[in-house]
C-alpha atoms as a PDB file:
ATOM      1  CA  MET A   1     101.946 128.735 107.481  1.00  0.00           C
ATOM      2  CA  ALA A   2      99.549 128.019 110.354  1.00  0.00           C
ATOM      3  CA  ALA A   3     100.920 126.384 113.491  1.00  0.00           C
ATOM      4  CA  ALA A   4      99.568 122.946 114.358  1.00  0.00           C
ATOM      5  CA  LEU A   5      97.081 122.948 117.208  1.00  0.00           C
ATOM      6  CA  PRO A   6      98.132 120.977 120.304  1.00  0.00           C
ATOM      7  CA  GLU A   7      96.422 117.608 120.617  1.00  0.00           C
ATOM      8  CA  SER A   8      94.149 116.969 123.529  1.00  0.00           C
ATOM      9  CA  GLY A   9      94.963 114.010 125.761  1.00  0.00           C
ATOM     10  CA  SER A  10      91.984 112.073 124.415  1.00  0.00           C
ATOM     11  CA  VAL A  11      93.110 112.468 120.791  1.00  0.00           C
ATOM     12  CA  ARG A  12      96.625 111.262 121.700  1.00  0.00           C
ATOM     13  CA  GLU A  13      95.151 108.291 123.547  1.00  0.00           C
ATOM     14  CA  LEU A  14      92.879 107.421 120.633  1.00  0.00           C
ATOM     15  CA  ARG A  15      95.786 107.660 118.186  1.00  0.00           C
ATOM     16  CA  ALA A  16      97.836 105.381 120.443  1.00  0.00           C
ATOM     17  CA  GLU A  17      94.953 102.925 120.470  1.00  0.00           C
ATOM     18  CA  LEU A  18      94.758 103.075 116.667  1.00  0.00           C
ATOM     19  CA  ALA A  19      98.499 102.378 116.486  1.00  0.00           C
ATOM     20  CA  ARG A  20      98.055  99.282 118.701  1.00  0.00           C
ATOM     21  CA  ILE A  21      95.173  98.082 116.523  1.00  0.00           C
ATOM     22  CA  ASP A  22      97.172  98.739 113.340  1.00  0.00           C
ATOM     23  CA  ARG A  23     100.079  96.704 114.737  1.00  0.00           C
ATOM     24  CA  ALA A  24      97.722  93.832 115.571  1.00  0.00           C
ATOM     25  CA  ILE A  25      96.316  93.951 112.039  1.00  0.00           C
ATOM     26  CA  VAL A  26      99.825  93.757 110.559  1.00  0.00           C
ATOM     27  CA  VAL A  27     100.679  90.807 112.835  1.00  0.00           C
ATOM     28  CA  LEU A  28      97.534  89.021 111.623  1.00  0.00           C
ATOM     29  CA  LEU A  29      98.343  89.870 107.996  1.00  0.00           C
ATOM     30  CA  ALA A  30     101.788  88.322 108.397  1.00  0.00           C
ATOM     31  CA  ALA A  31     100.263  85.193 109.932  1.00  0.00           C
ATOM     32  CA  ARG A  32      97.680  84.910 107.148  1.00  0.00           C
ATOM     33  CA  LEU A  33     100.288  85.316 104.415  1.00  0.00           C
ATOM     34  CA  THR A  34     102.469  82.670 106.084  1.00  0.00           C
ATOM     35  CA  VAL A  35      99.642  80.124 106.254  1.00  0.00           C
ATOM     36  CA  ALA A  36      98.495  80.943 102.721  1.00  0.00           C
ATOM     37  CA  GLY A  37     102.082  80.410 101.562  1.00  0.00           C
ATOM     38  CA  ARG A  38     102.090  76.978 103.180  1.00  0.00           C
ATOM     39  CA  VAL A  39      98.828  76.095 101.411  1.00  0.00           C
ATOM     40  CA  ILE A  40     100.377  77.090  98.087  1.00  0.00           C
ATOM     41  CA  GLN A  41     103.544  75.120  98.864  1.00  0.00           C
ATOM     42  CA  VAL A  42     101.583  71.964  99.729  1.00  0.00           C
ATOM     43  CA  ARG A  43      99.427  72.299  96.614  1.00  0.00           C
ATOM     44  CA  GLN A  44     102.567  72.675  94.470  1.00  0.00           C
ATOM     45  CA  GLU A  45     104.160  69.624  96.124  1.00  0.00           C
ATOM     46  CA  LEU A  46     101.012  67.646  95.323  1.00  0.00           C
ATOM     47  CA  GLY A  47     101.120  68.840  91.712  1.00  0.00           C
ATOM     48  CA  GLU A  48      97.830  70.676  92.089  1.00  0.00           C
ATOM     49  CA  LYS A  49      96.828  74.065  90.731  1.00  0.00           C
ATOM     50  CA  VAL A  50      97.891  76.888  93.012  1.00  0.00           C
ATOM     51  CA  THR A  51      94.831  79.015  92.311  1.00  0.00           C
ATOM     52  CA  LEU A  52      91.363  77.677  93.023  1.00  0.00           C
ATOM     53  CA  ARG A  53      88.779  80.239  91.979  1.00  0.00           C
ATOM     54  CA  THR A  54      86.061  78.396  93.918  1.00  0.00           C
ATOM     55  CA  GLN A  55      88.095  78.693  97.144  1.00  0.00           C
ATOM     56  CA  GLU A  56      88.711  82.378  96.490  1.00  0.00           C
ATOM     57  CA  ARG A  57      84.964  82.925  96.013  1.00  0.00           C
ATOM     58  CA  LEU A  58      84.239  81.069  99.275  1.00  0.00           C
ATOM     59  CA  VAL A  59      86.719  83.230 101.191  1.00  0.00           C
ATOM     60  CA  LEU A  60      85.336  86.454  99.725  1.00  0.00           C
ATOM     61  CA  GLU A  61      81.733  85.451 100.410  1.00  0.00           C
ATOM     62  CA  ARG A  62      82.624  84.516 104.002  1.00  0.00           C
ATOM     63  CA  VAL A  63      84.316  87.909 104.436  1.00  0.00           C
ATOM     64  CA  ARG A  64      81.278  89.659 102.957  1.00  0.00           C
ATOM     65  CA  LEU A  65      78.969  87.929 105.454  1.00  0.00           C
ATOM     66  CA  TRP A  66      81.238  88.628 108.437  1.00  0.00           C
ATOM     67  CA  SER A  67      81.598  92.275 107.465  1.00  0.00           C
ATOM     68  CA  GLN A  68      77.825  92.686 107.230  1.00  0.00           C
ATOM     69  CA  GLU A  69      77.408  91.070 110.662  1.00  0.00           C
ATOM     70  CA  LEU A  70      79.984  93.446 112.163  1.00  0.00           C
ATOM     71  CA  GLY A  71      78.805  96.622 110.436  1.00  0.00           C
ATOM     72  CA  VAL A  72      81.874  96.948 108.207  1.00  0.00           C
ATOM     73  CA  PRO A  73      81.220  98.082 104.637  1.00  0.00           C
ATOM     74  CA  PRO A  74      81.400  94.786 102.671  1.00  0.00           C
ATOM     75  CA  GLU A  75      83.115  96.432  99.699  1.00  0.00           C
ATOM     76  CA  VAL A  76      85.971  97.541 101.980  1.00  0.00           C
ATOM     77  CA  ALA A  77      86.431  94.111 103.558  1.00  0.00           C
ATOM     78  CA  VAL A  78      86.182  92.272 100.233  1.00  0.00           C
ATOM     79  CA  ALA A  79      88.678  94.645  98.601  1.00  0.00           C
ATOM     80  CA  MET A  80      91.132  94.084 101.455  1.00  0.00           C
ATOM     81  CA  PHE A  81      90.845  90.317 101.170  1.00  0.00           C
ATOM     82  CA  ARG A  82      91.109  90.407  97.372  1.00  0.00           C
ATOM     83  CA  THR A  83      94.388  92.274  97.888  1.00  0.00           C
ATOM     84  CA  LEU A  84      95.530  89.667 100.436  1.00  0.00           C
ATOM     85  CA  ILE A  85      94.686  86.806  98.081  1.00  0.00           C
ATOM     86  CA  ASP A  86      96.524  88.470  95.202  1.00  0.00           C
ATOM     87  CA  ALA A  87      99.524  89.261  97.414  1.00  0.00           C
ATOM     88  CA  GLY A  88      99.732  85.643  98.540  1.00  0.00           C
ATOM     89  CA  LYS A  89      99.692  84.401  94.961  1.00  0.00           C
ATOM     90  CA  ASP A  90     102.266  87.011  93.913  1.00  0.00           C
ATOM     91  CA  ARG A  91     104.587  85.961  96.745  1.00  0.00           C
ATOM     92  CA  SER A  92     104.389  82.351  95.542  1.00  0.00           C
ATOM     93  CA  ARG A  93     105.767  83.108  92.090  1.00  0.00           C
ATOM     94  CA  PRO A  94     109.134  81.360  91.730  1.00  0.00           C
ATOM     95  CA  ASN A  95     111.127  84.210  90.136  1.00  0.00           C
ATOM     96  CA  ARG A  96     109.839  87.025  92.330  1.00  0.00           C
ATOM     97  CA  PRO A  97     112.765  88.897  93.908  1.00  0.00           C
ATOM     98  CA  LEU A  98     112.315  89.066  97.677  1.00  0.00           C
ATOM     99  CA  ASP A  99     112.874  92.810  97.766  1.00  0.00           C
ATOM    100  CA  ARG A 100     110.254  93.594  95.096  1.00  0.00           C
ATOM    101  CA  PRO A 101     107.036  94.976  96.578  1.00  0.00           C
ATOM    102  CA  VAL A 102     103.913  92.870  96.234  1.00  0.00           C
ATOM    103  CA  ALA A 103     101.500  94.207  93.609  1.00  0.00           C
ATOM    104  CA  VAL A 104      98.471  95.574  95.409  1.00  0.00           C
ATOM    105  CA  GLY A 105      95.082  95.341  93.757  1.00  0.00           C
ATOM    106  CA  ALA A 106      96.469  94.056  90.461  1.00  0.00           C
ATOM    107  CA  PRO A 107      95.136  90.718  89.276  1.00  0.00           C
ATOM    108  CA  ALA A 108      97.684  87.986  89.866  1.00  0.00           C
ATOM    109  CA  LEU A 109      97.853  84.915  87.674  1.00  0.00           C
ATOM    110  CA  ALA A 110      99.390  81.781  89.063  1.00  0.00           C
ATOM    111  CA  SER A 111     100.612  78.804  87.107  1.00  0.00           C
ATOM    112  CA  GLY A 112      97.658  76.690  86.079  1.00  0.00           C
ATOM    113  CA  SER A 113      95.043  79.391  86.613  1.00  0.00           C
ATOM    114  CA  ALA A 114      92.546  80.442  84.035  1.00  0.00           C
ATOM    115  CA  GLY A 115      93.126  84.137  84.744  1.00  0.00           C
END
């Protein structure tokens, strides 16, 4: 088995920077899921449908435009946000155990949605 090569200082620094960025992304994900959960809660309290396909399309189109402006592959950004949207809907299901992982990439159907 080959021994691992020692990392140069610049690689360590770059990996540390990536770790800081990854942490910031996770903090933002938590904030987004919290706000999305509040939206779902308010819609439920108002007796409205939890899932609005038109709103989902608007979010995904906005993400596609932003990703193109910033040089991020749109398919990557859209896939990430599709996963976020589905995770938010999955978390809103009333009988979901808190310790069950959120389904990633699987289509989520909420009460009142057309599928």
